[in-house]
Amino acid sequence: MSEQESRPTQSGGAAPEEFADSGPQITIAEQRTILLDDARKHRKHVRAAHEFAAQWLGKLLYVVGIGWHHWDGKRWAEDKGGTRAKAAAMETLKAMWGLALGDKDLASDVMACSTASGVRGVLELAGSLEGMCAAAADMDADPYLLNCANGTLDLHGLELRPHDPDDRITKVTRAAYVPGARSELWEDFLAQVLPDDHVRSYLARFFGVGLVGKVLEHVFPIATGTGRNGKGVAYTSVLHALGDYGGVADPALMEVVKSNPNAPSPAFFDLRGRRMVVLSETDTKIRLSASVLKRLTGGDPIKARALRKDPIEFLPSHSFLMVTNHLPELPSKVADPAVWSRVRAVPFNVVIPPDEQDPRLPEKLELAADAILTWMVAGLGEYWERGLDEPEAVQERTSEYAEGQDDVRRFVAEQCETGGIGDTTTVLHESYKDWCTAEGIYRRDQLGRSAFADALARLDYPSVKERRGMVHQGLNVLREALTVSKEPMVELPPGQRPAAVPQQSPKPQTSVWDEVAEAPGIMLL
C-alpha cells in the first residue's frame, strides 16, 4: 500500500458544512472499502458514483463553486473543463463493464450511465460524497504555507517538508526554496535600477510580505517612473519565481462598478489563492476607484463568481503592486484620507541607457528563480523584525503624489487669483464644481461645500463672515475661468472620461460672476 493510501483521513474530510462534523480517523484504504460496500446497495448512477469515488479517492477532488481538481504530486491542480474527471468516470464505467458478465443488474447500471448525460450525473453525485468534496474555503487555507517546487515551506520556522494532499493546496511556486541561494545577476540588476539601498530593502520586505497568504499590511504600493527603468523586469522576475502564486491583473479590476452583485466577476475570482498580484498599466492615465482599492487592500472577505459557476467567498490572500509610467488619478486626501493611508509611491528614477540594456535579461533572470525566492524569504524575515518601514524616498514621492492629486489645490492654481475682496464660499464652490466637471472628476469624488471650505482654509484661505456670506478673503475666481454647462453630470464608469463639452452658441451665458455683479454694493473693476 502506498503512503498516500495509508494516509489517515477524517470521515467527511473537508467537505461542505453538512459533512463538517468531526469523525473517527480512517485510512483511504478503509474509506474505499466503505464506498465499495455502499456501491452494492445502490443502482445506476448512485452505484457508479460510489465506484468512481472508491477508485479515485485521494486523486480527484471536487471543490464546491470551482470544480474538479486532481492531485499532480505537488498540489491540487484545477481540472479546467473537467476533462480529467470525465475521462476518469469513463474509465470507472469501463472497469464496471468488465465485472458485468453474468450480472444483468450491473450491466443495466453501466448502460444507464454510458451517455454524456449519464457521465455528468455520475460526476455530480460523486462530487457530493464524503472524501471527494471540499469547500472552497478549505483550499489554500493556511496562509503560512508556501508550496514550493521542492516541498512545502512553513513560513513560521522556514521548515521545508514533503508535499501533502492533506494540505489542500492548489498553488505551487516555479522556484525551489534553497536556503542561502544568491544570484549576483539579480543583486547587480537591483543595485542598478534602485541605487538607494533603503528603497531596495523596502522592496524586498514588501515582496517578502507577499509570500504570506493573508493581508498583513493594508498598503497599495505603486512602482512608478518613466520607461526603461527596470521596474517591469523586476516584477516579471518575481512573478516567474512565484509561479501559480503570482499573477497580472488588468487595471480595470480597480475600476469595476457592478450594478448586479450576482454577475460573474472573473477578475475578482482569479485573486483566490494568489499571493502577489501586479497591476501593470503604462499607456494611459486612469482614475482608480477608491472604493475598490479599499476593498481589495482591506482584508475583508471577497465574494466572486466565475463564469457558469456558483459564487464563492474567500479571504484575500494577495498583496498588490501597481507598476506604471503614469500615476493614476485618485481622490484628494481631503476627499478620501483612507485611500492615502494605503498608497505608497515607490520611485524608479534611473533610466537605463540604450547601450546598457540587455534584451535577454528577463530570460537570464528566469534561471535565478531559486535565488529570487530566497531573496523574498529573507525580505520576510527582515519584515518580522522591523515592519515595512517606508524609506524617506518613498515617503517624499508619496507626499508629492498626494499633493498633485489635491483637486482643490489645482483648482486654486488654475482657476483663481489672489488679492482683492475675495469671493464667497458659494461662488468658489460653484466654480469648483464646474471645473471638476470639465476635468472629468466624478461627482462622488467632489467635495461638498463644507469640506471644500475646510480645504481652502488648509491652503491659508480661511472664511470670514460678512454681510454677503462666508468670504475667503484674497481668493477670487478668474473672470476668464471656464464656464461649463449646468446640465446634471452623468456618472460614468471609473476610468472613462466625459465627452468634451461641445462649443456653445454665442448667446450670453450665466456664470457665477453674474451673481456677484448683481449683489448690492459690489462693483467689479
Protein backbone atom coordinates (compact mmCIF):
# COMPACT_ATOMS: atom_id res chain seq x y z
CA MET A 1 0.00 0.00 0.00
CA SER A 2 1.35 3.45 -0.90
CA GLU A 3 1.98 6.16 1.67
CA GLN A 4 -0.94 8.11 0.25
CA GLU A 5 -3.27 5.11 0.57
CA SER A 6 -2.31 4.57 4.21
CA ARG A 7 -2.65 8.25 4.99
CA PRO A 8 -5.36 8.76 7.64
CA THR A 9 -8.39 10.74 6.60
CA GLN A 10 -11.31 12.08 8.54
CA SER A 11 -14.73 10.79 7.72
CA GLY A 12 -16.33 13.65 5.88
CA GLY A 13 -12.94 15.26 5.22
CA ALA A 14 -13.07 18.94 4.29
CA ALA A 15 -16.45 18.66 2.69
CA PRO A 16 -19.21 21.26 2.80
CA GLU A 17 -20.86 22.04 6.11
CA GLU A 18 -23.17 19.04 6.04
CA PHE A 19 -20.07 16.82 6.21
CA ALA A 20 -18.05 19.03 8.52
CA ASP A 21 -18.65 17.13 11.77
CA SER A 22 -15.60 15.50 13.27
CA GLY A 23 -15.46 11.75 12.97
CA PRO A 24 -13.09 8.87 13.56
CA GLN A 25 -9.83 8.86 11.62
CA ILE A 26 -9.73 6.19 8.92
CA THR A 27 -7.29 5.43 6.14
CA ILE A 28 -8.04 5.94 2.48
CA ALA A 29 -7.97 2.16 2.00
CA GLU A 30 -10.63 1.74 4.69
CA GLN A 31 -12.73 4.50 3.18
CA ARG A 32 -12.52 2.81 -0.24
CA THR A 33 -13.83 -0.40 1.28
CA ILE A 34 -16.78 1.51 2.76
CA LEU A 35 -17.53 3.14 -0.59
CA LEU A 36 -17.45 -0.20 -2.43
CA ASP A 37 -19.78 -1.75 0.17
CA ASP A 38 -22.15 1.19 -0.26
CA ALA A 39 -21.99 0.86 -4.04
CA ARG A 40 -23.56 -2.60 -3.89
CA LYS A 41 -26.54 -1.16 -2.02
CA HIS A 42 -27.42 1.19 -4.88
CA ARG A 43 -28.25 1.10 -8.56
CA LYS A 44 -27.41 3.01 -11.71
CA HIS A 45 -25.81 6.47 -11.26
CA VAL A 46 -25.56 6.27 -7.47
CA ARG A 47 -23.79 2.92 -7.70
CA ALA A 48 -21.42 4.23 -10.37
CA ALA A 49 -20.70 7.35 -8.29
CA HIS A 50 -19.61 5.21 -5.33
CA GLU A 51 -17.44 3.04 -7.60
CA PHE A 52 -15.89 6.20 -9.05
CA ALA A 53 -15.17 7.60 -5.57
CA ALA A 54 -13.59 4.34 -4.42
CA GLN A 55 -11.28 4.29 -7.45
CA TRP A 56 -10.28 7.97 -7.45
CA LEU A 57 -10.28 8.85 -3.75
CA GLY A 58 -7.15 10.88 -2.99
CA LYS A 59 -6.57 11.52 -6.69
CA LEU A 60 -9.58 13.66 -7.62
CA LEU A 61 -11.40 16.24 -5.52
CA TYR A 62 -14.46 18.34 -6.23
CA VAL A 63 -14.29 21.89 -4.85
CA VAL A 64 -17.70 23.49 -4.45
CA GLY A 65 -18.14 26.57 -6.61
CA ILE A 66 -14.94 25.87 -8.58
CA GLY A 67 -14.94 22.35 -9.98
CA TRP A 68 -12.84 19.21 -10.12
CA HIS A 69 -9.17 19.16 -9.11
CA HIS A 70 -6.54 16.43 -9.50
CA TRP A 71 -3.51 15.70 -7.33
CA ASP A 72 -0.39 16.06 -9.51
CA GLY A 73 2.09 15.13 -6.82
CA LYS A 74 2.63 18.72 -5.63
CA ARG A 75 -0.76 20.41 -5.49
CA TRP A 76 -4.45 20.00 -6.23
CA ALA A 77 -4.43 21.37 -9.78
CA GLU A 78 -7.71 22.61 -11.20
CA ASP A 79 -9.18 20.31 -13.85
CA LYS A 80 -10.29 23.07 -16.19
CA GLY A 81 -13.26 21.90 -18.22
CA GLY A 82 -13.45 18.72 -16.14
CA THR A 83 -11.69 16.67 -18.83
CA ARG A 84 -9.72 14.54 -16.37
CA ALA A 85 -12.79 13.85 -14.26
CA LYS A 86 -14.81 12.81 -17.34
CA ALA A 87 -12.02 10.52 -18.51
CA ALA A 88 -11.80 9.02 -15.02
CA ALA A 89 -15.56 8.42 -14.97
CA MET A 90 -15.39 6.60 -18.30
CA GLU A 91 -12.51 4.50 -17.00
CA THR A 92 -14.59 3.56 -13.96
CA LEU A 93 -17.54 2.59 -16.19
CA LYS A 94 -15.19 0.51 -18.34
CA ALA A 95 -13.95 -1.33 -15.24
CA MET A 96 -17.54 -1.90 -14.09
CA TRP A 97 -18.44 -3.28 -17.52
CA GLY A 98 -15.63 -5.80 -17.16
CA LEU A 99 -17.32 -7.09 -13.99
CA ALA A 100 -20.81 -7.15 -15.50
CA LEU A 101 -20.52 -10.55 -17.21
CA GLY A 102 -23.37 -12.60 -15.81
CA ASP A 103 -24.63 -9.69 -13.70
CA LYS A 104 -27.63 -8.24 -15.51
CA ASP A 105 -28.24 -5.55 -12.90
CA LEU A 106 -24.67 -4.28 -13.11
CA ALA A 107 -24.76 -4.36 -16.91
CA SER A 108 -28.00 -2.36 -16.82
CA ASP A 109 -26.45 0.15 -14.44
CA VAL A 110 -23.41 0.66 -16.67
CA MET A 111 -25.58 1.07 -19.76
CA ALA A 112 -27.68 3.73 -17.99
CA CYS A 113 -24.55 5.73 -17.18
CA SER A 114 -22.76 5.32 -20.51
CA THR A 115 -24.02 8.51 -22.13
CA ALA A 116 -22.84 12.11 -21.95
CA SER A 117 -25.65 12.97 -19.56
CA GLY A 118 -25.01 9.76 -17.65
CA VAL A 119 -21.35 10.63 -17.09
CA ARG A 120 -22.34 14.11 -15.93
CA GLY A 121 -24.79 12.55 -13.50
CA VAL A 122 -22.14 10.22 -12.08
CA LEU A 123 -19.72 13.11 -11.56
CA GLU A 124 -22.37 15.30 -9.97
CA LEU A 125 -23.20 12.59 -7.43
CA ALA A 126 -19.57 11.63 -6.81
CA GLY A 127 -18.74 15.26 -6.11
CA SER A 128 -21.03 15.19 -3.09
CA LEU A 129 -19.64 12.05 -1.45
CA GLU A 130 -17.52 12.12 1.66
CA GLY A 131 -13.83 12.45 0.92
CA MET A 132 -14.47 13.56 -2.66
CA CYS A 133 -15.58 17.13 -2.00
CA ALA A 134 -14.28 20.22 -0.25
CA ALA A 135 -15.49 23.74 0.38
CA ALA A 136 -13.61 26.49 -1.45
CA ALA A 137 -12.66 27.96 1.93
CA ASP A 138 -10.82 24.74 2.81
CA MET A 139 -8.40 25.11 -0.09
CA ASP A 140 -5.19 27.11 0.42
CA ALA A 141 -6.47 27.80 3.92
CA ASP A 142 -3.14 28.06 5.78
CA PRO A 143 -1.63 31.47 4.92
CA TYR A 144 1.78 30.49 6.27
CA LEU A 145 2.31 27.50 3.98
CA LEU A 146 4.11 28.27 0.72
CA ASN A 147 4.09 25.36 -1.70
CA CYS A 148 7.47 25.37 -3.43
CA ALA A 149 8.75 23.27 -6.31
CA ASN A 150 10.79 21.11 -3.91
CA GLY A 151 8.41 20.93 -0.94
CA THR A 152 6.03 22.90 1.25
CA LEU A 153 7.66 25.70 3.22
CA ASP A 154 6.32 26.70 6.63
CA LEU A 155 6.92 30.46 6.72
CA HIS A 156 6.90 30.48 10.53
CA GLY A 157 10.02 28.42 11.08
CA LEU A 158 11.20 28.03 7.45
CA GLU A 159 10.81 24.26 7.68
CA LEU A 160 10.58 22.54 4.29
CA ARG A 161 8.57 19.32 4.23
CA PRO A 162 7.21 17.00 1.52
CA HIS A 163 4.13 17.94 -0.47
CA ASP A 164 0.97 16.62 1.17
CA PRO A 165 -2.51 16.40 -0.40
CA ASP A 166 -3.99 16.88 3.07
CA ASP A 167 -2.70 20.47 2.99
CA ARG A 168 -5.33 21.13 0.29
CA ILE A 169 -3.01 23.49 -1.60
CA THR A 170 -3.82 24.42 -5.20
CA LYS A 171 -0.74 26.53 -6.00
CA VAL A 172 2.98 25.90 -6.38
CA THR A 173 5.92 28.19 -7.00
CA ARG A 174 8.07 27.75 -10.07
CA ALA A 175 11.17 28.18 -7.91
CA ALA A 176 12.60 25.80 -5.36
CA TYR A 177 13.42 27.04 -1.88
CA VAL A 178 17.18 26.76 -1.47
CA PRO A 179 18.42 28.40 1.75
CA GLY A 180 21.41 30.61 1.08
CA ALA A 181 20.89 30.73 -2.69
CA ARG A 182 22.09 34.01 -4.23
CA SER A 183 22.25 35.49 -7.70
CA GLU A 184 24.88 38.10 -8.49
CA LEU A 185 22.96 38.99 -11.64
CA TRP A 186 19.77 39.73 -9.66
CA GLU A 187 21.58 41.73 -7.00
CA ASP A 188 23.55 43.77 -9.56
CA PHE A 189 20.35 44.47 -11.51
CA LEU A 190 18.56 45.75 -8.40
CA ALA A 191 21.53 47.90 -7.43
CA GLN A 192 21.48 49.46 -10.89
CA VAL A 193 17.76 50.27 -11.07
CA LEU A 194 17.38 51.11 -7.36
CA PRO A 195 20.67 52.67 -6.22
CA ASP A 196 19.08 53.72 -2.92
CA ASP A 197 19.70 50.68 -0.73
CA HIS A 198 16.87 51.74 1.61
CA VAL A 199 14.36 51.54 -1.26
CA ARG A 200 15.88 48.21 -2.34
CA SER A 201 15.47 46.66 1.08
CA TYR A 202 11.95 48.11 1.35
CA LEU A 203 11.02 46.34 -1.88
CA ALA A 204 12.47 43.09 -0.53
CA ARG A 205 10.36 43.43 2.62
CA PHE A 206 7.24 44.14 0.58
CA PHE A 207 7.76 41.12 -1.68
CA GLY A 208 8.52 39.08 1.43
CA VAL A 209 5.18 40.03 2.96
CA GLY A 210 3.66 38.97 -0.36
CA LEU A 211 4.67 35.37 0.36
CA VAL A 212 2.15 35.23 3.22
CA GLY A 213 -1.39 34.33 2.22
CA LYS A 214 -3.19 36.98 4.24
CA VAL A 215 -3.33 40.76 4.30
CA LEU A 216 -0.72 41.81 6.86
CA GLU A 217 -0.29 45.34 5.54
CA HIS A 218 -3.13 47.44 4.12
CA VAL A 219 -0.92 49.13 1.56
CA PHE A 220 -1.03 49.70 -2.19
CA PRO A 221 2.50 50.35 -3.48
CA ILE A 222 2.85 51.91 -6.92
CA ALA A 223 6.21 51.43 -8.67
CA THR A 224 6.48 54.47 -10.89
CA GLY A 225 8.91 56.11 -13.26
CA THR A 226 9.45 56.71 -16.94
CA GLY A 227 10.09 53.74 -19.21
CA ARG A 228 13.28 51.68 -19.48
CA ASN A 229 14.00 51.82 -15.76
CA GLY A 230 13.83 48.13 -14.86
CA LYS A 231 10.58 48.04 -12.91
CA GLY A 232 8.97 45.73 -15.47
CA VAL A 233 11.90 43.31 -15.39
CA ALA A 234 11.80 43.33 -11.58
CA TYR A 235 8.16 42.34 -11.25
CA THR A 236 8.19 39.79 -14.09
CA SER A 237 11.18 38.06 -12.47
CA VAL A 238 9.37 37.90 -9.13
CA LEU A 239 6.17 36.59 -10.70
CA HIS A 240 8.13 33.96 -12.63
CA ALA A 241 9.63 32.66 -9.39
CA LEU A 242 6.24 32.65 -7.66
CA GLY A 243 4.57 30.54 -10.34
CA ASP A 244 0.89 29.93 -9.52
CA TYR A 245 1.06 32.32 -6.57
CA GLY A 246 1.73 35.33 -8.78
CA GLY A 247 -0.48 36.95 -11.35
CA VAL A 248 -1.01 40.01 -13.50
CA ALA A 249 -4.40 41.69 -13.25
CA ASP A 250 -5.98 44.13 -15.64
CA PRO A 251 -6.07 47.65 -14.14
CA ALA A 252 -9.80 47.55 -14.89
CA LEU A 253 -10.00 45.38 -11.77
CA MET A 254 -9.58 48.59 -9.78
CA GLU A 255 -12.35 50.32 -11.71
CA VAL A 256 -15.06 47.67 -11.50
CA VAL A 257 -18.51 49.01 -10.69
CA LYS A 258 -21.25 46.40 -10.94
CA SER A 259 -24.94 47.11 -10.84
CA ASN A 260 -25.64 43.39 -10.44
CA PRO A 261 -23.73 41.94 -7.47
CA ASN A 262 -24.52 38.40 -8.67
CA ALA A 263 -22.98 38.91 -12.12
CA PRO A 264 -19.85 36.91 -12.98
CA SER A 265 -16.68 38.54 -11.66
CA PRO A 266 -13.79 36.50 -13.08
CA ALA A 267 -11.22 39.23 -12.35
CA PHE A 268 -12.03 39.04 -8.63
CA PHE A 269 -12.40 35.25 -8.75
CA ASP A 270 -8.86 34.92 -10.11
CA LEU A 271 -7.48 36.53 -6.94
CA ARG A 272 -8.37 33.44 -4.88
CA GLY A 273 -5.20 31.85 -3.52
CA ARG A 274 -2.85 34.36 -5.13
CA ARG A 275 -0.08 35.86 -3.04
CA MET A 276 1.29 38.63 -5.28
CA VAL A 277 -0.84 40.42 -7.87
CA VAL A 278 0.61 43.06 -10.18
CA LEU A 279 -1.44 45.67 -11.99
CA SER A 280 0.62 46.76 -14.96
CA GLU A 281 -0.52 50.00 -16.62
CA THR A 282 1.80 52.02 -18.79
CA ASP A 283 -0.10 53.60 -21.67
CA THR A 284 -2.69 55.97 -20.24
CA LYS A 285 -3.53 57.73 -17.01
CA ILE A 286 -6.58 56.19 -15.35
CA ARG A 287 -8.70 57.17 -12.39
CA LEU A 288 -8.85 54.37 -9.86
CA SER A 289 -12.00 53.51 -8.00
CA ALA A 290 -11.29 54.38 -4.37
CA SER A 291 -13.96 52.00 -3.10
CA VAL A 292 -12.48 49.03 -4.97
CA LEU A 293 -8.94 49.95 -3.88
CA LYS A 294 -10.04 49.94 -0.24
CA ARG A 295 -11.98 46.73 -0.75
CA LEU A 296 -9.04 44.86 -2.25
CA THR A 297 -6.48 46.08 0.29
CA GLY A 298 -8.72 45.96 3.34
CA GLY A 299 -8.69 42.27 4.22
CA ASP A 300 -12.48 41.80 4.19
CA PRO A 301 -13.95 38.66 2.57
CA ILE A 302 -14.34 38.81 -1.21
CA LYS A 303 -17.39 37.32 -2.88
CA ALA A 304 -16.84 36.41 -6.52
CA ARG A 305 -18.18 34.12 -9.20
CA ALA A 306 -16.53 32.52 -12.19
CA LEU A 307 -18.43 32.12 -15.44
CA ARG A 308 -21.14 29.46 -15.16
CA LYS A 309 -20.19 28.74 -11.53
CA ASP A 310 -21.79 29.35 -8.17
CA PRO A 311 -20.46 32.31 -6.14
CA ILE A 312 -17.82 31.67 -3.53
CA GLU A 313 -16.49 33.77 -0.68
CA PHE A 314 -12.84 33.84 0.34
CA LEU A 315 -10.47 35.86 2.45
CA PRO A 316 -7.95 37.87 0.43
CA SER A 317 -4.54 36.24 0.32
CA HIS A 318 -2.86 38.68 -2.05
CA SER A 319 -0.69 41.76 -1.89
CA PHE A 320 -1.00 44.30 -4.68
CA LEU A 321 1.72 46.12 -6.59
CA MET A 322 0.92 48.56 -9.36
CA VAL A 323 3.59 49.20 -11.99
CA THR A 324 3.03 52.25 -14.15
CA ASN A 325 4.64 55.08 -16.06
CA HIS A 326 1.64 57.29 -15.30
CA LEU A 327 0.48 57.62 -11.71
CA PRO A 328 -3.29 57.04 -11.58
CA GLU A 329 -5.70 59.74 -10.53
CA LEU A 330 -7.06 59.37 -7.01
CA PRO A 331 -9.33 61.39 -4.74
CA SER A 332 -7.56 64.03 -2.69
CA LYS A 333 -6.53 63.40 0.90
CA VAL A 334 -9.32 65.69 2.00
CA ALA A 335 -11.94 63.78 0.00
CA ASP A 336 -10.72 60.31 0.97
CA PRO A 337 -7.90 60.09 3.54
CA ALA A 338 -8.35 56.31 3.81
CA VAL A 339 -7.03 55.88 0.27
CA TRP A 340 -3.85 57.77 1.07
CA SER A 341 -3.25 55.73 4.20
CA ARG A 342 -2.74 52.80 1.79
CA VAL A 343 -0.93 54.31 -1.20
CA ARG A 344 2.88 54.19 -1.38
CA ALA A 345 4.73 55.60 -4.41
CA VAL A 346 7.99 53.72 -4.99
CA PRO A 347 10.28 55.74 -7.31
CA PHE A 348 12.20 54.05 -10.12
CA ASN A 349 14.15 57.10 -11.25
CA VAL A 350 17.08 55.52 -13.09
CA VAL A 351 16.75 55.31 -16.88
CA ILE A 352 18.92 52.56 -18.38
CA PRO A 353 20.89 53.90 -21.37
CA PRO A 354 20.24 52.01 -24.64
CA ASP A 355 23.82 50.73 -24.80
CA GLU A 356 23.42 49.16 -21.33
CA GLN A 357 20.09 47.46 -21.97
CA ASP A 358 20.15 43.67 -22.25
CA PRO A 359 17.10 42.31 -24.12
CA ARG A 360 17.88 38.83 -22.78
CA LEU A 361 18.00 39.93 -19.13
CA PRO A 362 14.46 38.68 -18.29
CA GLU A 363 15.36 35.28 -19.74
CA LYS A 364 18.62 35.17 -17.77
CA LEU A 365 16.83 36.09 -14.54
CA GLU A 366 14.40 33.21 -15.01
CA LEU A 367 17.38 30.95 -14.29
CA ALA A 368 17.83 32.80 -10.99
CA ALA A 369 14.31 31.96 -9.79
CA ASP A 370 15.53 29.95 -6.78
CA ALA A 371 17.73 32.82 -5.62
CA ILE A 372 14.93 35.35 -6.14
CA LEU A 373 12.56 33.27 -4.00
CA THR A 374 15.23 33.01 -1.28
CA TRP A 375 15.68 36.81 -1.53
CA MET A 376 11.95 37.24 -0.86
CA VAL A 377 12.05 34.85 2.10
CA ALA A 378 14.93 36.89 3.53
CA GLY A 379 12.83 40.02 2.99
CA LEU A 380 10.04 38.43 5.02
CA GLY A 381 12.49 37.75 7.84
CA GLU A 382 13.51 41.40 7.80
CA TYR A 383 9.83 42.38 7.84
CA TRP A 384 9.24 40.36 11.02
CA GLU A 385 11.99 42.42 12.67
CA ARG A 386 11.14 45.97 11.51
CA GLY A 387 7.89 46.01 9.55
CA LEU A 388 7.71 47.61 6.13
CA ASP A 389 9.43 50.77 7.42
CA GLU A 390 8.95 53.06 4.40
CA PRO A 391 12.20 54.83 3.49
CA GLU A 392 12.43 58.58 3.12
CA ALA A 393 12.44 58.42 -0.69
CA VAL A 394 9.10 56.56 -0.69
CA GLN A 395 7.58 58.96 1.83
CA GLU A 396 8.67 62.01 -0.17
CA ARG A 397 7.43 60.64 -3.50
CA THR A 398 4.10 59.68 -1.92
CA SER A 399 3.70 63.19 -0.47
CA GLU A 400 4.42 64.74 -3.86
CA TYR A 401 1.90 62.40 -5.44
CA ALA A 402 -0.77 63.25 -2.88
CA GLU A 403 -0.18 66.97 -3.33
CA GLY A 404 -0.59 66.59 -7.08
CA GLN A 405 -3.90 64.80 -6.53
CA ASP A 406 -5.28 67.65 -4.41
CA ASP A 407 -8.12 68.84 -6.64
CA VAL A 408 -8.77 71.93 -4.53
CA ARG A 409 -5.12 72.98 -4.73
CA ARG A 410 -5.21 72.50 -8.52
CA PHE A 411 -8.46 74.44 -8.78
CA VAL A 412 -6.98 77.37 -6.89
CA ALA A 413 -3.83 77.33 -9.03
CA GLU A 414 -5.68 77.10 -12.35
CA GLN A 415 -8.95 78.96 -11.80
CA CYS A 416 -8.31 81.57 -9.12
CA GLU A 417 -6.27 84.68 -8.45
CA THR A 418 -5.19 86.12 -5.16
CA GLY A 419 -5.74 89.59 -3.80
CA GLY A 420 -8.84 91.71 -3.83
CA ILE A 421 -12.01 91.38 -1.83
CA GLY A 422 -12.35 87.62 -2.10
CA ASP A 423 -15.30 85.51 -3.21
CA THR A 424 -17.88 83.75 -1.10
CA THR A 425 -17.75 80.03 -0.45
CA THR A 426 -20.84 79.66 -2.65
CA VAL A 427 -19.22 81.38 -5.64
CA LEU A 428 -15.96 79.48 -5.26
CA HIS A 429 -17.68 76.14 -4.72
CA GLU A 430 -19.92 76.54 -7.78
CA SER A 431 -16.89 77.35 -9.91
CA TYR A 432 -15.03 74.39 -8.38
CA LYS A 433 -17.86 72.02 -9.32
CA ASP A 434 -17.89 73.36 -12.89
CA TRP A 435 -14.14 72.87 -13.09
CA CYS A 436 -14.42 69.31 -11.75
CA THR A 437 -16.98 68.52 -14.45
CA ALA A 438 -14.63 69.81 -17.14
CA GLU A 439 -11.74 67.81 -15.63
CA GLY A 440 -13.72 64.56 -15.58
CA ILE A 441 -13.76 64.33 -11.79
CA TYR A 442 -16.77 62.29 -10.75
CA ARG A 443 -19.39 63.85 -8.55
CA ARG A 444 -18.76 61.23 -5.88
CA ASP A 445 -15.14 62.46 -5.67
CA GLN A 446 -16.03 66.16 -5.47
CA LEU A 447 -16.03 67.90 -2.11
CA GLY A 448 -19.21 69.21 -0.62
CA ARG A 449 -19.44 72.88 0.31
CA SER A 450 -18.33 72.46 3.92
CA ALA A 451 -15.39 70.15 3.13
CA PHE A 452 -14.41 72.49 0.28
CA ALA A 453 -14.32 75.45 2.66
CA ASP A 454 -12.17 73.44 5.09
CA ALA A 455 -9.79 72.54 2.25
CA LEU A 456 -9.43 76.22 1.32
CA ALA A 457 -8.69 77.02 4.95
CA ARG A 458 -5.88 74.45 4.93
CA LEU A 459 -4.47 76.32 1.94
CA ASP A 460 -4.45 79.51 4.05
CA TYR A 461 -7.71 80.88 2.67
CA PRO A 462 -10.00 80.73 5.72
CA SER A 463 -13.52 82.07 5.52
CA VAL A 464 -14.81 85.07 7.45
CA LYS A 465 -18.41 86.06 7.91
CA GLU A 466 -19.57 89.14 6.02
CA ARG A 467 -22.94 90.55 5.06
CA ARG A 468 -22.89 88.72 1.73
CA GLY A 469 -21.93 85.37 3.29
CA MET A 470 -18.81 83.48 4.22
CA VAL A 471 -15.94 85.08 2.28
CA HIS A 472 -12.47 83.70 1.58
CA GLN A 473 -10.55 86.95 1.65
CA GLY A 474 -7.93 87.35 -1.04
CA LEU A 475 -9.16 84.46 -3.20
CA ASN A 476 -11.17 85.20 -6.35
CA VAL A 477 -12.33 83.11 -9.28
CA LEU A 478 -10.71 84.24 -12.52
CA ARG A 479 -13.12 86.09 -14.79
CA GLU A 480 -11.97 84.03 -17.74
CA ALA A 481 -12.43 80.75 -15.83
CA LEU A 482 -14.04 78.05 -17.94
CA THR A 483 -17.84 78.03 -17.70
CA VAL A 484 -19.39 74.66 -18.42
CA SER A 485 -22.94 73.53 -18.98
CA LYS A 486 -25.03 73.30 -15.84
CA GLU A 487 -26.66 70.09 -17.12
CA PRO A 488 -26.59 67.33 -14.48
CA MET A 489 -23.34 65.36 -14.63
CA VAL A 490 -23.84 61.78 -15.75
CA GLU A 491 -21.93 59.28 -13.63
CA LEU A 492 -19.65 57.35 -15.97
CA PRO A 493 -17.82 54.09 -15.21
CA PRO A 494 -14.49 54.77 -13.48
CA GLY A 495 -11.69 55.31 -15.95
CA GLN A 496 -13.99 56.75 -18.63
CA ARG A 497 -13.89 60.49 -19.03
CA PRO A 498 -16.90 62.51 -20.10
CA ALA A 499 -17.04 63.63 -23.70
CA ALA A 500 -15.66 67.06 -24.42
CA VAL A 501 -18.15 69.85 -23.78
CA PRO A 502 -19.45 70.96 -27.19
CA GLN A 503 -18.96 74.53 -28.30
CA GLN A 504 -21.91 76.64 -27.24
CA SER A 505 -23.72 79.12 -29.46
CA PRO A 506 -22.60 82.72 -28.94
CA LYS A 507 -25.65 83.64 -26.89
CA PRO A 508 -24.96 85.17 -23.46
CA GLN A 509 -24.39 82.63 -20.69
CA THR A 510 -24.88 82.85 -16.98
CA SER A 511 -21.82 82.38 -14.82
CA VAL A 512 -21.09 82.73 -11.16
CA TRP A 513 -19.77 86.22 -11.90
CA ASP A 514 -23.26 87.39 -12.84
CA GLU A 515 -24.37 86.56 -9.32
CA VAL A 516 -21.52 88.59 -7.85
CA ALA A 517 -22.08 91.56 -10.17
CA GLU A 518 -25.74 91.76 -9.17
CA ALA A 519 -25.02 91.66 -5.44
CA PRO A 520 -25.77 95.03 -3.76
CA GLY A 521 -22.72 97.16 -3.04
CA ILE A 522 -20.35 95.05 -5.17
CA MET A 523 -18.64 96.54 -8.21
CA LEU A 524 -16.38 94.51 -10.50
CA LEU A 525 -13.43 96.55 -11.73
